[in-house]
Amino acid sequence: MRRSTDDEKILGYNDVVLRKSDLGILSGPHYLNDRIIEFYFSYLATSHPIKDVLLVAPSVAFWIANCPDADTLKDFVEPLELPKKRLVIFPVNNNNDVTVAEGGSHWSLLVYERSSNAFIHHDSCYGINKRASCQLYGHIKGFMSTSDAEPHASYVELTDSPQQLNSYDCGLYVTAIARSICLWIESNDLREPNRLWFSAVKEQVTPSAVADMRGEILELITTLVHNN
């Protein structure tokens, strides 16, 4: 059987493979899939190579949240070297069925910041992803400390994170907020307590800026395809 042209590979970027169907998602008002978010996180990590900052791929974050066995989770998480990270950015998806690839209906962002020892949840549709975010937090909080004597990180549900105006832009808010945080980190010292990125995100992640993200990511992919 002939493979659909939608499955045609158009770009390999680091460890991410993008297909023709991904361009269709970015061309219209559609919910972003795992591949596009993973690609953009990989791009941010490459274009903003900040020491001790980790952007976690959606598939990795999903497995951490849903891994049923503590020993397996420990072996899986260890290579990430989380105790050495100052800041870790996790995409959160509300898919609760590990047998369904690219399931779920909403994306949000969970960010660990070491100086405050807190996980901060940005949800562009406030409250929808709290259960999924808390599940991820519950599974990962014990792996962040540098020693057993340290208390587990706290959890903060941010009540004034930028909010989406439709039912499909949640993934774009995840990419826009992650970008805003990376830009903020480049010009701020994370060792200074009580200085976080909230005001920068509020200023930069507006509905118009988020809407522009579709075209920006699509143009980025197109440029990389042409340059390869």
Protein backbone atom coordinates (compact mmCIF):
# COMPACT_ATOMS: atom_id res chain seq x y z
CA MET A 1 0.00 0.00 0.00
CA ARG A 2 1.31 3.44 -0.93
CA ARG A 3 2.07 5.65 2.07
CA SER A 4 0.00 8.82 2.34
CA THR A 5 1.88 11.96 1.37
CA ASP A 6 0.87 13.39 4.77
CA ASP A 7 3.30 10.89 6.32
CA GLU A 8 6.16 12.10 4.15
CA LYS A 9 9.19 13.16 6.17
CA ILE A 10 10.11 16.79 5.50
CA LEU A 11 12.70 17.54 8.20
CA GLY A 12 14.97 15.86 10.70
CA TYR A 13 16.00 18.32 13.41
CA ASN A 14 18.19 16.97 16.22
CA ASP A 15 16.15 13.92 17.30
CA VAL A 16 12.81 15.22 15.97
CA VAL A 17 11.25 14.08 12.69
CA LEU A 18 8.60 16.38 11.18
CA ARG A 19 6.17 15.26 8.50
CA LYS A 20 4.07 16.99 5.87
CA SER A 21 0.96 16.71 8.05
CA ASP A 22 2.65 18.88 10.68
CA LEU A 23 2.74 21.78 8.21
CA GLY A 24 -1.01 21.39 7.76
CA ILE A 25 -1.52 21.70 11.50
CA LEU A 26 0.45 24.94 11.56
CA SER A 27 -1.33 26.31 8.49
CA GLY A 28 -4.75 26.30 10.11
CA PRO A 29 -6.48 26.77 13.45
CA HIS A 30 -5.56 23.33 14.79
CA TYR A 31 -4.43 21.80 18.08
CA LEU A 32 -0.64 21.30 18.10
CA ASN A 33 0.65 17.73 18.24
CA ASP A 34 3.61 16.32 20.18
CA ARG A 35 6.02 16.56 17.25
CA ILE A 36 5.60 20.30 16.74
CA ILE A 37 6.05 21.06 20.44
CA GLU A 38 9.05 18.72 20.66
CA PHE A 39 10.57 20.39 17.59
CA TYR A 40 10.12 23.87 19.03
CA PHE A 41 11.51 22.88 22.43
CA SER A 42 14.52 21.37 20.65
CA TYR A 43 14.90 24.58 18.67
CA LEU A 44 14.75 26.70 21.84
CA ALA A 45 17.37 24.48 23.51
CA THR A 46 19.65 24.88 20.47
CA SER A 47 19.12 28.60 19.92
CA HIS A 48 19.20 29.45 23.65
CA PRO A 49 21.82 27.02 25.04
CA ILE A 50 21.54 28.06 28.67
CA LYS A 51 23.56 26.09 31.19
CA ASP A 52 21.61 23.94 33.65
CA VAL A 53 18.26 24.58 31.93
CA LEU A 54 16.34 21.63 30.49
CA LEU A 55 13.36 21.63 28.11
CA VAL A 56 11.74 18.21 28.36
CA ALA A 57 10.21 16.55 25.28
CA PRO A 58 6.45 15.89 25.45
CA SER A 59 6.92 12.12 25.18
CA VAL A 60 9.37 12.15 28.11
CA ALA A 61 7.10 14.31 30.28
CA PHE A 62 4.13 12.06 29.44
CA TRP A 63 6.00 8.90 30.41
CA ILE A 64 7.15 10.44 33.70
CA ALA A 65 3.56 11.37 34.53
CA ASN A 66 2.19 7.94 33.65
CA CYS A 67 4.98 5.50 34.52
CA PRO A 68 3.38 2.84 36.75
CA ASP A 69 6.55 1.56 38.43
CA ALA A 70 8.81 3.58 40.75
CA ASP A 71 11.99 1.63 39.92
CA THR A 72 11.41 1.95 36.18
CA LEU A 73 10.76 5.66 36.61
CA LYS A 74 13.98 6.10 38.60
CA ASP A 75 16.03 4.44 35.84
CA PHE A 76 14.26 6.55 33.22
CA VAL A 77 14.72 9.88 35.01
CA GLU A 78 18.34 9.42 36.16
CA PRO A 79 19.98 10.33 32.79
CA LEU A 80 18.17 13.70 32.87
CA GLU A 81 20.38 14.74 35.84
CA LEU A 82 17.53 16.78 37.30
CA PRO A 83 19.29 17.66 40.60
CA LYS A 84 21.88 19.58 38.55
CA LYS A 85 19.30 21.73 36.76
CA ARG A 86 18.40 25.25 37.81
CA LEU A 87 15.25 25.22 35.74
CA VAL A 88 13.26 22.46 34.02
CA ILE A 89 10.36 23.06 31.62
CA PHE A 90 7.80 20.25 31.20
CA PRO A 91 4.94 20.27 28.67
CA VAL A 92 1.80 18.76 30.24
CA ASN A 93 -0.89 16.91 28.30
CA ASN A 94 -4.19 15.70 29.76
CA ASN A 95 -4.09 12.37 27.91
CA ASN A 96 -4.51 9.67 30.56
CA ASP A 97 -4.39 6.64 28.24
CA VAL A 98 -0.85 5.43 27.58
CA THR A 99 -2.10 3.22 24.74
CA VAL A 100 -3.26 6.23 22.71
CA ALA A 101 -0.54 8.05 20.80
CA GLU A 102 -0.95 11.83 20.68
CA GLY A 103 -4.17 11.73 22.68
CA GLY A 104 -5.50 14.37 25.01
CA SER A 105 -7.18 17.70 24.36
CA HIS A 106 -5.14 20.31 26.24
CA TRP A 107 -1.53 21.42 26.75
CA SER A 108 -0.05 23.41 29.62
CA LEU A 109 3.41 24.08 31.05
CA LEU A 110 4.94 23.00 34.37
CA VAL A 111 8.20 24.75 35.28
CA TYR A 112 10.56 23.78 38.09
CA GLU A 113 12.70 26.62 39.49
CA ARG A 114 15.43 25.65 41.94
CA SER A 115 16.04 28.86 43.91
CA SER A 116 12.41 28.84 45.06
CA ASN A 117 12.27 25.02 45.01
CA ALA A 118 8.86 25.18 43.34
CA PHE A 119 6.95 23.75 40.41
CA ILE A 120 4.90 26.49 38.76
CA HIS A 121 2.00 25.57 36.49
CA HIS A 122 1.07 27.82 33.55
CA ASP A 123 -2.35 26.81 32.19
CA SER A 124 -3.82 28.91 29.36
CA CYS A 125 -7.30 27.56 30.18
CA TYR A 126 -7.13 27.85 33.95
CA GLY A 127 -7.88 24.69 35.88
CA ILE A 128 -8.34 22.25 32.98
CA ASN A 129 -4.92 20.63 33.33
CA LYS A 130 -4.53 20.81 37.09
CA ARG A 131 -5.09 17.07 37.54
CA ALA A 132 -2.58 16.16 34.83
CA SER A 133 -0.07 18.71 36.12
CA CYS A 134 -0.38 17.48 39.72
CA GLN A 135 0.11 13.90 38.52
CA LEU A 136 3.35 14.86 36.80
CA TYR A 137 4.43 16.85 39.86
CA GLY A 138 3.68 13.92 42.15
CA HIS A 139 5.84 11.59 40.08
CA ILE A 140 8.81 13.91 39.56
CA LYS A 141 9.13 15.98 42.76
CA GLY A 142 11.19 13.32 44.55
CA PHE A 143 13.86 13.39 41.82
CA MET A 144 14.68 17.11 41.96
CA SER A 145 16.58 17.32 45.26
CA THR A 146 20.34 17.12 45.50
CA SER A 147 20.08 15.18 48.76
CA ASP A 148 17.50 13.18 50.72
CA ALA A 149 17.60 15.82 53.46
CA GLU A 150 16.10 18.48 51.20
CA PRO A 151 12.33 18.98 51.30
CA HIS A 152 10.31 18.20 48.20
CA ALA A 153 9.51 21.15 45.97
CA SER A 154 6.19 22.91 46.43
CA TYR A 155 3.49 23.20 43.76
CA VAL A 156 2.06 26.52 42.57
CA GLU A 157 -1.01 26.80 40.35
CA LEU A 158 -0.50 30.19 38.71
CA THR A 159 -3.84 31.97 38.66
CA ASP A 160 -2.89 34.83 36.33
CA SER A 161 -1.07 33.05 33.52
CA PRO A 162 -2.06 34.31 30.02
CA GLN A 163 -5.36 32.79 28.90
CA GLN A 164 -6.32 31.52 25.45
CA LEU A 165 -9.34 32.93 23.62
CA ASN A 166 -10.29 29.79 21.70
CA SER A 167 -10.28 26.00 22.02
CA TYR A 168 -7.17 25.15 19.99
CA ASP A 169 -4.26 27.49 20.84
CA CYS A 170 -3.11 25.81 24.08
CA GLY A 171 -0.03 24.30 22.42
CA LEU A 172 0.94 27.70 21.04
CA TYR A 173 0.70 29.16 24.54
CA VAL A 174 3.06 26.43 25.72
CA THR A 175 5.61 27.33 23.03
CA ALA A 176 5.19 31.08 23.57
CA ILE A 177 5.56 30.86 27.35
CA ALA A 178 8.57 28.54 27.05
CA ARG A 179 10.21 31.03 24.66
CA SER A 180 9.46 33.94 26.98
CA ILE A 181 11.02 32.08 29.91
CA CYS A 182 14.15 31.24 27.89
CA LEU A 183 14.55 34.88 26.84
CA TRP A 184 14.03 35.98 30.44
CA ILE A 185 16.66 33.55 31.73
CA GLU A 186 19.26 34.91 29.29
CA SER A 187 19.02 38.36 30.87
CA ASN A 188 18.37 37.47 34.52
CA ASP A 189 20.21 35.67 37.29
CA LEU A 190 18.22 32.69 38.56
CA ARG A 191 20.23 32.73 41.78
CA GLU A 192 18.46 35.89 42.89
CA PRO A 193 15.45 34.88 45.01
CA ASN A 194 11.96 36.20 44.23
CA ARG A 195 12.95 37.24 40.71
CA LEU A 196 10.94 35.09 38.36
CA TRP A 197 9.63 35.44 34.80
CA PHE A 198 5.94 36.15 35.48
CA SER A 199 5.89 39.80 34.42
CA ALA A 200 7.86 39.02 31.25
CA VAL A 201 5.36 36.30 30.30
CA LYS A 202 2.39 38.61 30.90
CA GLU A 203 3.95 41.29 28.74
CA GLN A 204 5.09 39.07 25.88
CA VAL A 205 2.48 36.29 25.69
CA THR A 206 -0.50 38.20 24.33
CA PRO A 207 -3.27 36.74 22.13
CA SER A 208 -1.82 38.46 19.05
CA ALA A 209 1.73 37.28 19.81
CA VAL A 210 0.47 33.73 20.31
CA ALA A 211 -1.49 33.85 17.05
CA ASP A 212 1.70 34.91 15.27
CA MET A 213 3.50 31.84 16.63
CA ARG A 214 1.85 29.60 14.01
CA GLY A 215 3.38 31.55 11.17
CA GLU A 216 6.71 31.91 12.96
CA ILE A 217 7.08 28.18 13.60
CA LEU A 218 5.91 27.35 10.07
CA GLU A 219 8.42 29.80 8.59
CA LEU A 220 11.17 28.39 10.80
CA ILE A 221 10.46 24.84 9.63
CA THR A 222 10.26 25.94 5.98
CA THR A 223 13.59 27.73 6.26
CA LEU A 224 15.26 24.71 7.83
CA VAL A 225 13.83 22.43 5.13
CA HIS A 226 15.20 24.68 2.38
CA ASN A 227 18.60 24.93 4.07
CA ASN A 228 19.01 21.17 4.43
